[in-house]
Structures are given as C-alpha cells and as structure tokens.
PDB file of all heavy atoms in Angstrom:
ATOM      1  N   THR A   1       1.840   7.897  18.981  1.00  0.00           N
ATOM      2  CA  THR A   1       1.245   9.094  19.425  1.00  0.00           C
ATOM      3  C   THR A   1       1.028  10.110  18.285  1.00  0.00           C
ATOM      4  O   THR A   1       0.442  11.225  18.481  1.00  0.00           O
ATOM      5  CB  THR A   1       2.089   9.741  20.515  1.00  0.00           C
ATOM      6  OG1 THR A   1       3.385   9.961  20.069  1.00  0.00           O
ATOM      7  CG2 THR A   1       2.082   8.915  21.774  1.00  0.00           C
ATOM      8  N   ALA A   2       1.557   9.767  17.140  1.00  0.00           N
ATOM      9  CA  ALA A   2       1.462  10.653  15.929  1.00  0.00           C
ATOM     10  C   ALA A   2       1.386   9.824  14.740  1.00  0.00           C
ATOM     11  O   ALA A   2       2.462   9.428  14.168  1.00  0.00           O
ATOM     12  CB  ALA A   2       2.550  11.716  15.888  1.00  0.00           C
ATOM     13  N   LEU A   3       0.186   9.474  14.255  1.00  0.00           N
ATOM     14  CA  LEU A   3       0.087   8.543  13.167  1.00  0.00           C
ATOM     15  C   LEU A   3       0.282   9.244  11.782  1.00  0.00           C
ATOM     16  O   LEU A   3      -0.057  10.423  11.722  1.00  0.00           O
ATOM     17  CB  LEU A   3      -1.323   7.904  13.116  1.00  0.00           C
ATOM     18  CG  LEU A   3      -1.727   7.108  14.366  1.00  0.00           C
ATOM     19  CD1 LEU A   3      -3.140   6.584  14.118  1.00  0.00           C
ATOM     20  CD2 LEU A   3      -0.762   6.015  14.678  1.00  0.00           C
ATOM     21  N   ILE A   4       0.808   8.528  10.846  1.00  0.00           N
ATOM     22  CA  ILE A   4       0.817   8.944   9.443  1.00  0.00           C
ATOM     23  C   ILE A   4      -0.628   8.658   8.936  1.00  0.00           C
ATOM     24  O   ILE A   4      -1.132   7.611   9.165  1.00  0.00           O
ATOM     25  CB  ILE A   4       1.796   8.160   8.669  1.00  0.00           C
ATOM     26  CG1 ILE A   4       3.244   8.345   9.128  1.00  0.00           C
ATOM     27  CG2 ILE A   4       1.726   8.516   7.168  1.00  0.00           C
ATOM     28  CD1 ILE A   4       4.223   7.388   8.618  1.00  0.00           C
ATOM     29  N   THR A   5      -1.242   9.701   8.323  1.00  0.00           N
ATOM     30  CA  THR A   5      -2.697   9.497   8.011  1.00  0.00           C
ATOM     31  C   THR A   5      -2.992   9.874   6.548  1.00  0.00           C
ATOM     32  O   THR A   5      -2.346  10.711   5.971  1.00  0.00           O
ATOM     33  CB  THR A   5      -3.565  10.374   8.886  1.00  0.00           C
ATOM     34  OG1 THR A   5      -3.226  11.762   8.703  1.00  0.00           O
ATOM     35  CG2 THR A   5      -3.399  10.096  10.394  1.00  0.00           C
ATOM     36  N   ASP A   6      -3.946   9.111   6.021  1.00  0.00           N
ATOM     37  CA  ASP A   6      -4.592   9.395   4.730  1.00  0.00           C
ATOM     38  C   ASP A   6      -3.573   9.312   3.596  1.00  0.00           C
ATOM     39  O   ASP A   6      -3.284  10.301   2.870  1.00  0.00           O
ATOM     40  CB  ASP A   6      -5.267  10.799   4.764  1.00  0.00           C
ATOM     41  CG  ASP A   6      -6.237  10.958   3.626  1.00  0.00           C
ATOM     42  OD1 ASP A   6      -6.531   9.984   2.917  1.00  0.00           O
ATOM     43  OD2 ASP A   6      -6.699  12.098   3.373  1.00  0.00           O
ATOM     44  N   ILE A   7      -3.039   8.113   3.398  1.00  0.00           N
ATOM     45  CA  ILE A   7      -2.150   7.820   2.293  1.00  0.00           C
ATOM     46  C   ILE A   7      -2.876   6.994   1.273  1.00  0.00           C
ATOM     47  O   ILE A   7      -3.387   5.897   1.565  1.00  0.00           O
ATOM     48  CB  ILE A   7      -0.860   7.050   2.808  1.00  0.00           C
ATOM     49  CG1 ILE A   7      -0.344   7.794   4.057  1.00  0.00           C
ATOM     50  CG2 ILE A   7       0.191   6.977   1.667  1.00  0.00           C
ATOM     51  CD1 ILE A   7       0.169   9.156   3.801  1.00  0.00           C
ATOM     52  N   ARG A   8      -2.950   7.480   0.076  1.00  0.00           N
ATOM     53  CA  ARG A   8      -3.751   6.847  -1.014  1.00  0.00           C
ATOM     54  C   ARG A   8      -2.945   6.526  -2.240  1.00  0.00           C
ATOM     55  O   ARG A   8      -2.277   7.439  -2.724  1.00  0.00           O
ATOM     56  CB  ARG A   8      -4.938   7.743  -1.328  1.00  0.00           C
ATOM     57  CG  ARG A   8      -5.769   8.172  -0.144  1.00  0.00           C
ATOM     58  CD  ARG A   8      -6.958   9.041  -0.505  1.00  0.00           C
ATOM     59  NE  ARG A   8      -6.646  10.181  -1.298  1.00  0.00           N
ATOM     60  CZ  ARG A   8      -6.078  11.310  -0.762  1.00  0.00           C
ATOM     61  NH1 ARG A   8      -5.819  11.400   0.533  1.00  0.00           N
ATOM     62  NH2 ARG A   8      -5.765  12.371  -1.494  1.00  0.00           N
ATOM     63  N   LEU A   9      -2.992   5.277  -2.717  1.00  0.00           N
ATOM     64  CA  LEU A   9      -2.384   4.838  -3.933  1.00  0.00           C
ATOM     65  C   LEU A   9      -3.422   4.331  -4.819  1.00  0.00           C
ATOM     66  O   LEU A   9      -4.221   3.503  -4.457  1.00  0.00           O
ATOM     67  CB  LEU A   9      -1.306   3.831  -3.604  1.00  0.00           C
ATOM     68  CG  LEU A   9       0.023   4.244  -3.012  1.00  0.00           C
ATOM     69  CD1 LEU A   9      -0.134   4.544  -1.493  1.00  0.00           C
ATOM     70  CD2 LEU A   9       1.111   3.212  -3.215  1.00  0.00           C
ATOM     71  N   SER A  10      -3.389   4.749  -6.106  1.00  0.00           N
ATOM     72  CA  SER A  10      -4.346   4.251  -7.084  1.00  0.00           C
ATOM     73  C   SER A  10      -3.620   4.015  -8.403  1.00  0.00           C
ATOM     74  O   SER A  10      -2.757   4.785  -8.801  1.00  0.00           O
ATOM     75  CB  SER A  10      -5.537   5.186  -7.240  1.00  0.00           C
ATOM     76  OG  SER A  10      -5.136   6.462  -7.769  1.00  0.00           O
ATOM     77  N   ASP A  11      -3.982   2.952  -9.073  1.00  0.00           N
ATOM     78  CA  ASP A  11      -3.445   2.585 -10.372  1.00  0.00           C
ATOM     79  C   ASP A  11      -1.925   2.524 -10.363  1.00  0.00           C
ATOM     80  O   ASP A  11      -1.312   3.040 -11.300  1.00  0.00           O
ATOM     81  CB  ASP A  11      -4.003   3.591 -11.413  1.00  0.00           C
ATOM     82  CG  ASP A  11      -5.505   3.555 -11.568  1.00  0.00           C
ATOM     83  OD1 ASP A  11      -6.059   2.525 -11.819  1.00  0.00           O
ATOM     84  OD2 ASP A  11      -6.109   4.623 -11.252  1.00  0.00           O
ATOM     85  N   CYS A  12      -1.362   1.877  -9.307  1.00  0.00           N
ATOM     86  CA  CYS A  12       0.038   1.819  -9.216  1.00  0.00           C
ATOM     87  C   CYS A  12       0.456   0.331  -9.399  1.00  0.00           C
ATOM     88  O   CYS A  12      -0.292  -0.628  -8.948  1.00  0.00           O
ATOM     89  CB  CYS A  12       0.514   2.301  -7.809  1.00  0.00           C
ATOM     90  SG  CYS A  12       0.227   4.106  -7.574  1.00  0.00           S
ATOM     91  N   THR A  13       1.638   0.111  -9.891  1.00  0.00           N
ATOM     92  CA  THR A  13       2.188  -1.184 -10.125  1.00  0.00           C
ATOM     93  C   THR A  13       3.623  -1.231  -9.569  1.00  0.00           C
ATOM     94  O   THR A  13       4.429  -0.470  -9.873  1.00  0.00           O
ATOM     95  CB  THR A  13       2.185  -1.572 -11.628  1.00  0.00           C
ATOM     96  OG1 THR A  13       0.881  -1.502 -12.089  1.00  0.00           O
ATOM     97  CG2 THR A  13       2.731  -2.938 -11.812  1.00  0.00           C
ATOM     98  N   PHE A  14       3.873  -2.261  -8.684  1.00  0.00           N
ATOM     99  CA  PHE A  14       5.191  -2.479  -8.131  1.00  0.00           C
ATOM    100  C   PHE A  14       5.720  -3.872  -8.505  1.00  0.00           C
ATOM    101  O   PHE A  14       5.109  -4.829  -8.089  1.00  0.00           O
ATOM    102  CB  PHE A  14       5.110  -2.349  -6.627  1.00  0.00           C
ATOM    103  CG  PHE A  14       4.612  -1.014  -6.073  1.00  0.00           C
ATOM    104  CD1 PHE A  14       3.277  -0.826  -5.880  1.00  0.00           C
ATOM    105  CD2 PHE A  14       5.448   0.003  -5.857  1.00  0.00           C
ATOM    106  CE1 PHE A  14       2.799   0.430  -5.390  1.00  0.00           C
ATOM    107  CE2 PHE A  14       5.022   1.261  -5.399  1.00  0.00           C
ATOM    108  CZ  PHE A  14       3.696   1.441  -5.112  1.00  0.00           C
ATOM    109  N   GLY A  15       6.726  -3.885  -9.255  1.00  0.00           N
ATOM    110  CA  GLY A  15       7.272  -5.178  -9.723  1.00  0.00           C
ATOM    111  C   GLY A  15       8.566  -5.500  -9.025  1.00  0.00           C
ATOM    112  O   GLY A  15       9.269  -4.592  -8.502  1.00  0.00           O
ATOM    113  N   GLU A  16       8.866  -6.768  -8.866  1.00  0.00           N
ATOM    114  CA  GLU A  16      10.100  -7.313  -8.200  1.00  0.00           C
ATOM    115  C   GLU A  16      10.332  -6.624  -6.877  1.00  0.00           C
ATOM    116  O   GLU A  16      11.434  -6.168  -6.587  1.00  0.00           O
ATOM    117  CB  GLU A  16      11.330  -7.054  -9.151  1.00  0.00           C
ATOM    118  CG  GLU A  16      11.353  -7.957 -10.348  1.00  0.00           C
ATOM    119  CD  GLU A  16      12.678  -7.930 -11.039  1.00  0.00           C
ATOM    120  OE1 GLU A  16      13.759  -8.018 -10.417  1.00  0.00           O
ATOM    121  OE2 GLU A  16      12.678  -7.823 -12.263  1.00  0.00           O
ATOM    122  N   VAL A  17       9.279  -6.654  -6.029  1.00  0.00           N
ATOM    123  CA  VAL A  17       9.362  -6.172  -4.663  1.00  0.00           C
ATOM    124  C   VAL A  17       9.943  -7.292  -3.768  1.00  0.00           C
ATOM    125  O   VAL A  17       9.433  -8.372  -3.707  1.00  0.00           O
ATOM    126  CB  VAL A  17       8.101  -5.722  -4.101  1.00  0.00           C
ATOM    127  CG1 VAL A  17       8.245  -5.195  -2.720  1.00  0.00           C
ATOM    128  CG2 VAL A  17       7.484  -4.580  -4.987  1.00  0.00           C
ATOM    129  N   ALA A  18      11.151  -7.051  -3.165  1.00  0.00           N
ATOM    130  CA  ALA A  18      11.838  -8.121  -2.452  1.00  0.00           C
ATOM    131  C   ALA A  18      11.274  -8.423  -1.055  1.00  0.00           C
ATOM    132  O   ALA A  18      11.276  -9.580  -0.642  1.00  0.00           O
ATOM    133  CB  ALA A  18      13.328  -7.732  -2.286  1.00  0.00           C
ATOM    134  N   GLN A  19      10.670  -7.399  -0.389  1.00  0.00           N
ATOM    135  CA  GLN A  19      10.167  -7.631   0.952  1.00  0.00           C
ATOM    136  C   GLN A  19       8.843  -7.068   1.144  1.00  0.00           C
ATOM    137  O   GLN A  19       8.384  -6.143   0.431  1.00  0.00           O
ATOM    138  CB  GLN A  19      11.164  -7.082   1.945  1.00  0.00           C
ATOM    139  CG  GLN A  19      12.572  -7.743   1.988  1.00  0.00           C
ATOM    140  CD  GLN A  19      13.424  -7.240   3.110  1.00  0.00           C
ATOM    141  OE1 GLN A  19      12.941  -6.806   4.176  1.00  0.00           O
ATOM    142  NE2 GLN A  19      14.739  -7.317   2.913  1.00  0.00           N
ATOM    143  N   ALA A  20       8.147  -7.582   2.176  1.00  0.00           N
ATOM    144  CA  ALA A  20       6.776  -7.081   2.447  1.00  0.00           C
ATOM    145  C   ALA A  20       6.836  -5.631   2.882  1.00  0.00           C
ATOM    146  O   ALA A  20       7.882  -5.145   3.451  1.00  0.00           O
ATOM    147  CB  ALA A  20       6.135  -7.927   3.566  1.00  0.00           C
ATOM    148  N   ASN A  21       5.708  -4.963   2.728  1.00  0.00           N
ATOM    149  CA  ASN A  21       5.605  -3.523   3.154  1.00  0.00           C
ATOM    150  C   ASN A  21       5.869  -3.429   4.660  1.00  0.00           C
ATOM    151  O   ASN A  21       5.563  -4.383   5.416  1.00  0.00           O
ATOM    152  CB  ASN A  21       4.207  -2.983   2.910  1.00  0.00           C
ATOM    153  CG  ASN A  21       3.912  -2.830   1.411  1.00  0.00           C
ATOM    154  OD1 ASN A  21       4.870  -2.598   0.623  1.00  0.00           O
ATOM    155  ND2 ASN A  21       2.709  -2.965   1.022  1.00  0.00           N
ATOM    156  N   VAL A  22       6.381  -2.330   5.043  1.00  0.00           N
ATOM    157  CA  VAL A  22       6.492  -2.040   6.522  1.00  0.00           C
ATOM    158  C   VAL A  22       5.523  -0.849   6.776  1.00  0.00           C
ATOM    159  O   VAL A  22       5.550   0.234   6.203  1.00  0.00           O
ATOM    160  CB  VAL A  22       7.937  -1.528   6.833  1.00  0.00           C
ATOM    161  CG1 VAL A  22       8.036  -1.030   8.247  1.00  0.00           C
ATOM    162  CG2 VAL A  22       8.928  -2.718   6.662  1.00  0.00           C
ATOM    163  N   ILE A  23       4.546  -1.174   7.642  1.00  0.00           N
ATOM    164  CA  ILE A  23       3.499  -0.224   8.008  1.00  0.00           C
ATOM    165  C   ILE A  23       3.423  -0.193   9.529  1.00  0.00           C
ATOM    166  O   ILE A  23       2.990  -1.063  10.153  1.00  0.00           O
ATOM    167  CB  ILE A  23       2.142  -0.551   7.439  1.00  0.00           C
ATOM    168  CG1 ILE A  23       2.192  -0.859   5.955  1.00  0.00           C
ATOM    169  CG2 ILE A  23       1.132   0.566   7.730  1.00  0.00           C
ATOM    170  CD1 ILE A  23       2.554   0.296   5.063  1.00  0.00           C
ATOM    171  N   GLN A  24       3.939   0.932  10.073  1.00  0.00           N
ATOM    172  CA  GLN A  24       3.909   1.106  11.557  1.00  0.00           C
ATOM    173  C   GLN A  24       3.309   2.442  11.953  1.00  0.00           C
ATOM    174  O   GLN A  24       3.762   3.420  11.463  1.00  0.00           O
ATOM    175  CB  GLN A  24       5.332   0.989  12.155  1.00  0.00           C
ATOM    176  CG  GLN A  24       6.081  -0.316  11.897  1.00  0.00           C
ATOM    177  CD  GLN A  24       7.475  -0.332  12.418  1.00  0.00           C
ATOM    178  OE1 GLN A  24       7.951   0.658  13.014  1.00  0.00           O
ATOM    179  NE2 GLN A  24       8.147  -1.375  12.169  1.00  0.00           N
ATOM    180  N   ASN A  25       2.255   2.374  12.660  1.00  0.00           N
ATOM    181  CA  ASN A  25       1.580   3.562  13.187  1.00  0.00           C
ATOM    182  C   ASN A  25       1.104   4.505  12.066  1.00  0.00           C
ATOM    183  O   ASN A  25       1.547   5.669  11.950  1.00  0.00           O
ATOM    184  CB  ASN A  25       2.555   4.338  14.092  1.00  0.00           C
ATOM    185  CG  ASN A  25       3.001   3.448  15.298  1.00  0.00           C
ATOM    186  OD1 ASN A  25       2.189   2.785  15.866  1.00  0.00           O
ATOM    187  ND2 ASN A  25       4.330   3.497  15.557  1.00  0.00           N
ATOM    188  N   ALA A  26       0.338   3.915  11.226  1.00  0.00           N
ATOM    189  CA  ALA A  26      -0.250   4.670  10.046  1.00  0.00           C
ATOM    190  C   ALA A  26      -1.760   4.292  10.017  1.00  0.00           C
ATOM    191  O   ALA A  26      -2.071   3.121  10.291  1.00  0.00           O
ATOM    192  CB  ALA A  26       0.424   4.331   8.788  1.00  0.00           C
ATOM    193  N   SER A  27      -2.584   5.217   9.552  1.00  0.00           N
ATOM    194  CA  SER A  27      -4.026   4.879   9.385  1.00  0.00           C
ATOM    195  C   SER A  27      -4.470   5.518   8.142  1.00  0.00           C
ATOM    196  O   SER A  27      -3.935   6.501   7.618  1.00  0.00           O
ATOM    197  CB  SER A  27      -4.771   5.429  10.615  1.00  0.00           C
ATOM    198  OG  SER A  27      -4.845   6.883  10.543  1.00  0.00           O
ATOM    199  N   GLY A  28      -5.555   4.972   7.604  1.00  0.00           N
ATOM    200  CA  GLY A  28      -6.134   5.513   6.330  1.00  0.00           C
ATOM    201  C   GLY A  28      -5.354   5.214   5.138  1.00  0.00           C
ATOM    202  O   GLY A  28      -5.428   5.969   4.153  1.00  0.00           O
ATOM    203  N   LEU A  29      -4.602   4.090   5.082  1.00  0.00           N
ATOM    204  CA  LEU A  29      -3.858   3.709   3.908  1.00  0.00           C
ATOM    205  C   LEU A  29      -4.866   3.045   2.988  1.00  0.00           C
ATOM    206  O   LEU A  29      -5.503   2.072   3.407  1.00  0.00           O
ATOM    207  CB  LEU A  29      -2.741   2.768   4.286  1.00  0.00           C
ATOM    208  CG  LEU A  29      -1.892   2.153   3.144  1.00  0.00           C
ATOM    209  CD1 LEU A  29      -1.186   3.332   2.429  1.00  0.00           C
ATOM    210  CD2 LEU A  29      -0.972   1.150   3.674  1.00  0.00           C
ATOM    211  N   SER A  30      -4.922   3.565   1.748  1.00  0.00           N
ATOM    212  CA  SER A  30      -5.896   3.018   0.806  1.00  0.00           C
ATOM    213  C   SER A  30      -5.197   2.695  -0.519  1.00  0.00           C
ATOM    214  O   SER A  30      -4.476   3.533  -1.062  1.00  0.00           O
ATOM    215  CB  SER A  30      -6.922   4.083   0.546  1.00  0.00           C
ATOM    216  OG  SER A  30      -7.739   3.710  -0.529  1.00  0.00           O
ATOM    217  N   PHE A  31      -5.369   1.451  -0.965  1.00  0.00           N
ATOM    218  CA  PHE A  31      -4.939   0.994  -2.291  1.00  0.00           C
ATOM    219  C   PHE A  31      -6.099   0.773  -3.168  1.00  0.00           C
ATOM    220  O   PHE A  31      -7.023   0.042  -2.788  1.00  0.00           O
ATOM    221  CB  PHE A  31      -4.101  -0.320  -2.153  1.00  0.00           C
ATOM    222  CG  PHE A  31      -2.727  -0.195  -1.624  1.00  0.00           C
ATOM    223  CD1 PHE A  31      -2.327   0.979  -0.904  1.00  0.00           C
ATOM    224  CD2 PHE A  31      -1.838  -1.215  -1.704  1.00  0.00           C
ATOM    225  CE1 PHE A  31      -1.112   1.094  -0.419  1.00  0.00           C
ATOM    226  CE2 PHE A  31      -0.578  -1.068  -1.134  1.00  0.00           C
ATOM    227  CZ  PHE A  31      -0.239   0.025  -0.483  1.00  0.00           C
ATOM    228  N   THR A  32      -6.053   1.371  -4.394  1.00  0.00           N
ATOM    229  CA  THR A  32      -7.144   1.146  -5.365  1.00  0.00           C
ATOM    230  C   THR A  32      -6.538   0.745  -6.680  1.00  0.00           C
ATOM    231  O   THR A  32      -5.718   1.533  -7.188  1.00  0.00           O
ATOM    232  CB  THR A  32      -8.036   2.421  -5.573  1.00  0.00           C
ATOM    233  OG1 THR A  32      -8.488   2.814  -4.242  1.00  0.00           O
ATOM    234  CG2 THR A  32      -9.139   2.168  -6.484  1.00  0.00           C
ATOM    235  N   ARG A  33      -6.804  -0.414  -7.199  1.00  0.00           N
ATOM    236  CA  ARG A  33      -6.224  -0.975  -8.433  1.00  0.00           C
ATOM    237  C   ARG A  33      -4.651  -0.865  -8.375  1.00  0.00           C
ATOM    238  O   ARG A  33      -4.015  -0.339  -9.275  1.00  0.00           O
ATOM    239  CB  ARG A  33      -6.786  -0.157  -9.634  1.00  0.00           C
ATOM    240  CG  ARG A  33      -8.299  -0.296  -9.793  1.00  0.00           C
ATOM    241  CD  ARG A  33      -8.802   0.409 -11.025  1.00  0.00           C
ATOM    242  NE  ARG A  33      -8.554   1.880 -10.882  1.00  0.00           N
ATOM    243  CZ  ARG A  33      -9.293   2.767 -10.160  1.00  0.00           C
ATOM    244  NH1 ARG A  33     -10.301   2.268  -9.505  1.00  0.00           N
ATOM    245  NH2 ARG A  33      -8.964   4.017 -10.091  1.00  0.00           N
ATOM    246  N   VAL A  34      -4.172  -1.521  -7.298  1.00  0.00           N
ATOM    247  CA  VAL A  34      -2.736  -1.480  -7.108  1.00  0.00           C
ATOM    248  C   VAL A  34      -2.234  -2.954  -7.214  1.00  0.00           C
ATOM    249  O   VAL A  34      -2.790  -3.856  -6.666  1.00  0.00           O
ATOM    250  CB  VAL A  34      -2.358  -0.939  -5.731  1.00  0.00           C
ATOM    251  CG1 VAL A  34      -0.911  -1.143  -5.359  1.00  0.00           C
ATOM    252  CG2 VAL A  34      -2.662   0.571  -5.637  1.00  0.00           C
ATOM    253  N   LYS A  35      -1.130  -3.112  -7.921  1.00  0.00           N
ATOM    254  CA  LYS A  35      -0.582  -4.493  -8.050  1.00  0.00           C
ATOM    255  C   LYS A  35       0.843  -4.536  -7.479  1.00  0.00           C
ATOM    256  O   LYS A  35       1.612  -3.556  -7.665  1.00  0.00           O
ATOM    257  CB  LYS A  35      -0.483  -4.891  -9.511  1.00  0.00           C
ATOM    258  CG  LYS A  35      -1.800  -5.239 -10.191  1.00  0.00           C
ATOM    259  CD  LYS A  35      -1.600  -5.800 -11.601  1.00  0.00           C
ATOM    260  CE  LYS A  35      -2.942  -6.238 -12.189  1.00  0.00           C
ATOM    261  NZ  LYS A  35      -2.798  -6.754 -13.596  1.00  0.00           N
ATOM    262  N   MET A  36       1.138  -5.571  -6.732  1.00  0.00           N
ATOM    263  CA  MET A  36       2.442  -5.812  -6.193  1.00  0.00           C
ATOM    264  C   MET A  36       2.836  -7.257  -6.636  1.00  0.00           C
ATOM    265  O   MET A  36       2.149  -8.205  -6.328  1.00  0.00           O
ATOM    266  CB  MET A  36       2.492  -5.639  -4.675  1.00  0.00           C
ATOM    267  CG  MET A  36       2.222  -4.279  -4.149  1.00  0.00           C
ATOM    268  SD  MET A  36       2.400  -4.210  -2.420  1.00  0.00           S
ATOM    269  CE  MET A  36       1.870  -2.511  -2.103  1.00  0.00           C
ATOM    270  N   ASN A  37       3.991  -7.301  -7.306  1.00  0.00           N
ATOM    271  CA  ASN A  37       4.475  -8.596  -7.807  1.00  0.00           C
ATOM    272  C   ASN A  37       3.384  -9.342  -8.520  1.00  0.00           C
ATOM    273  O   ASN A  37       3.219 -10.593  -8.396  1.00  0.00           O
ATOM    274  CB  ASN A  37       5.019  -9.446  -6.604  1.00  0.00           C
ATOM    275  CG  ASN A  37       6.327  -8.874  -6.102  1.00  0.00           C
ATOM    276  OD1 ASN A  37       6.998  -7.974  -6.708  1.00  0.00           O
ATOM    277  ND2 ASN A  37       6.655  -9.142  -4.843  1.00  0.00           N
ATOM    278  N   GLY A  38       2.593  -8.633  -9.285  1.00  0.00           N
ATOM    279  CA  GLY A  38       1.581  -9.230 -10.133  1.00  0.00           C
ATOM    280  C   GLY A  38       0.269  -9.511  -9.428  1.00  0.00           C
ATOM    281  O   GLY A  38      -0.703  -9.927 -10.095  1.00  0.00           O
ATOM    282  N   LYS A  39       0.164  -9.235  -8.140  1.00  0.00           N
ATOM    283  CA  LYS A  39      -1.087  -9.509  -7.410  1.00  0.00           C
ATOM    284  C   LYS A  39      -1.848  -8.228  -7.129  1.00  0.00           C
ATOM    285  O   LYS A  39      -1.319  -7.250  -6.680  1.00  0.00           O
ATOM    286  CB  LYS A  39      -0.768 -10.127  -6.039  1.00  0.00           C
ATOM    287  CG  LYS A  39      -1.994 -10.451  -5.179  1.00  0.00           C
ATOM    288  CD  LYS A  39      -1.570 -11.088  -3.875  1.00  0.00           C
ATOM    289  CE  LYS A  39      -2.827 -11.378  -3.013  1.00  0.00           C
ATOM    290  NZ  LYS A  39      -2.420 -11.906  -1.695  1.00  0.00           N
ATOM    291  N   LEU A  40      -3.155  -8.224  -7.432  1.00  0.00           N
ATOM    292  CA  LEU A  40      -4.017  -7.078  -7.233  1.00  0.00           C
ATOM    293  C   LEU A  40      -4.338  -6.935  -5.774  1.00  0.00           C
ATOM    294  O   LEU A  40      -4.754  -7.896  -5.150  1.00  0.00           O
ATOM    295  CB  LEU A  40      -5.267  -7.205  -8.057  1.00  0.00           C
ATOM    296  CG  LEU A  40      -6.233  -6.021  -8.046  1.00  0.00           C
ATOM    297  CD1 LEU A  40      -5.592  -4.800  -8.733  1.00  0.00           C
ATOM    298  CD2 LEU A  40      -7.563  -6.359  -8.736  1.00  0.00           C
ATOM    299  N   ILE A  41      -4.122  -5.725  -5.249  1.00  0.00           N
ATOM    300  CA  ILE A  41      -4.392  -5.462  -3.813  1.00  0.00           C
ATOM    301  C   ILE A  41      -5.607  -4.463  -3.780  1.00  0.00           C
ATOM    302  O   ILE A  41      -5.585  -3.390  -4.388  1.00  0.00           O
ATOM    303  CB  ILE A  41      -3.229  -4.841  -3.152  1.00  0.00           C
ATOM    304  CG1 ILE A  41      -1.954  -5.702  -3.398  1.00  0.00           C
ATOM    305  CG2 ILE A  41      -3.489  -4.613  -1.644  1.00  0.00           C
ATOM    306  CD1 ILE A  41      -2.028  -7.072  -2.793  1.00  0.00           C
ATOM    307  N   GLU A  42      -6.570  -4.791  -2.959  1.00  0.00           N
ATOM    308  CA  GLU A  42      -7.760  -3.897  -2.784  1.00  0.00           C
ATOM    309  C   GLU A  42      -7.945  -3.738  -1.316  1.00  0.00           C
ATOM    310  O   GLU A  42      -7.690  -4.717  -0.493  1.00  0.00           O
ATOM    311  CB  GLU A  42      -8.994  -4.463  -3.378  1.00  0.00           C
ATOM    312  CG  GLU A  42      -9.037  -4.534  -4.936  1.00  0.00           C
ATOM    313  CD  GLU A  42      -9.138  -3.279  -5.632  1.00  0.00           C
ATOM    314  OE1 GLU A  42      -9.396  -2.200  -4.973  1.00  0.00           O
ATOM    315  OE2 GLU A  42      -9.064  -3.173  -6.843  1.00  0.00           O
ATOM    316  N   ASN A  43      -8.353  -2.511  -0.857  1.00  0.00           N
ATOM    317  CA  ASN A  43      -8.602  -2.282   0.613  1.00  0.00           C
ATOM    318  C   ASN A  43      -7.418  -2.880   1.468  1.00  0.00           C
ATOM    319  O   ASN A  43      -7.688  -3.690   2.340  1.00  0.00           O
ATOM    320  CB  ASN A  43      -9.906  -2.853   1.010  1.00  0.00           C
ATOM    321  CG  ASN A  43     -11.050  -2.228   0.197  1.00  0.00           C
ATOM    322  OD1 ASN A  43     -11.036  -1.070  -0.092  1.00  0.00           O
ATOM    323  ND2 ASN A  43     -12.017  -3.093  -0.204  1.00  0.00           N
ATOM    324  N   SER A  44      -6.232  -2.358   1.242  1.00  0.00           N
ATOM    325  CA  SER A  44      -5.118  -3.125   1.622  1.00  0.00           C
ATOM    326  C   SER A  44      -4.470  -2.738   2.972  1.00  0.00           C
ATOM    327  O   SER A  44      -3.408  -3.187   3.288  1.00  0.00           O
ATOM    328  CB  SER A  44      -3.959  -2.944   0.598  1.00  0.00           C
ATOM    329  OG  SER A  44      -3.591  -1.606   0.517  1.00  0.00           O
TER     330      SER A  44
END
C-alpha cells in the first residue's frame, strides 16, 4: 500500500555480492551502467 519509488543507480559497481537483491513493493528502480559481480545490468 506504500511503494518505495524512483530509486536510480548509475555508474555503480558491486563486487563479491553474496546474495540476489531483495526488491519488495518498489517501483521505478533504474540501473544505468551498473555492474554486479562483473555483470552489466541495464533496465534492471
């Protein structure tokens, strides 16, 4: 009933991430030129 909104990450790098992201009740999450564990994520 109350979403987290408009979260934007750009040109970010996350190394040695042990577990997948947790995204619950959020909208407008945007990744631009973001890498996680060496993998480029777009429109994520």
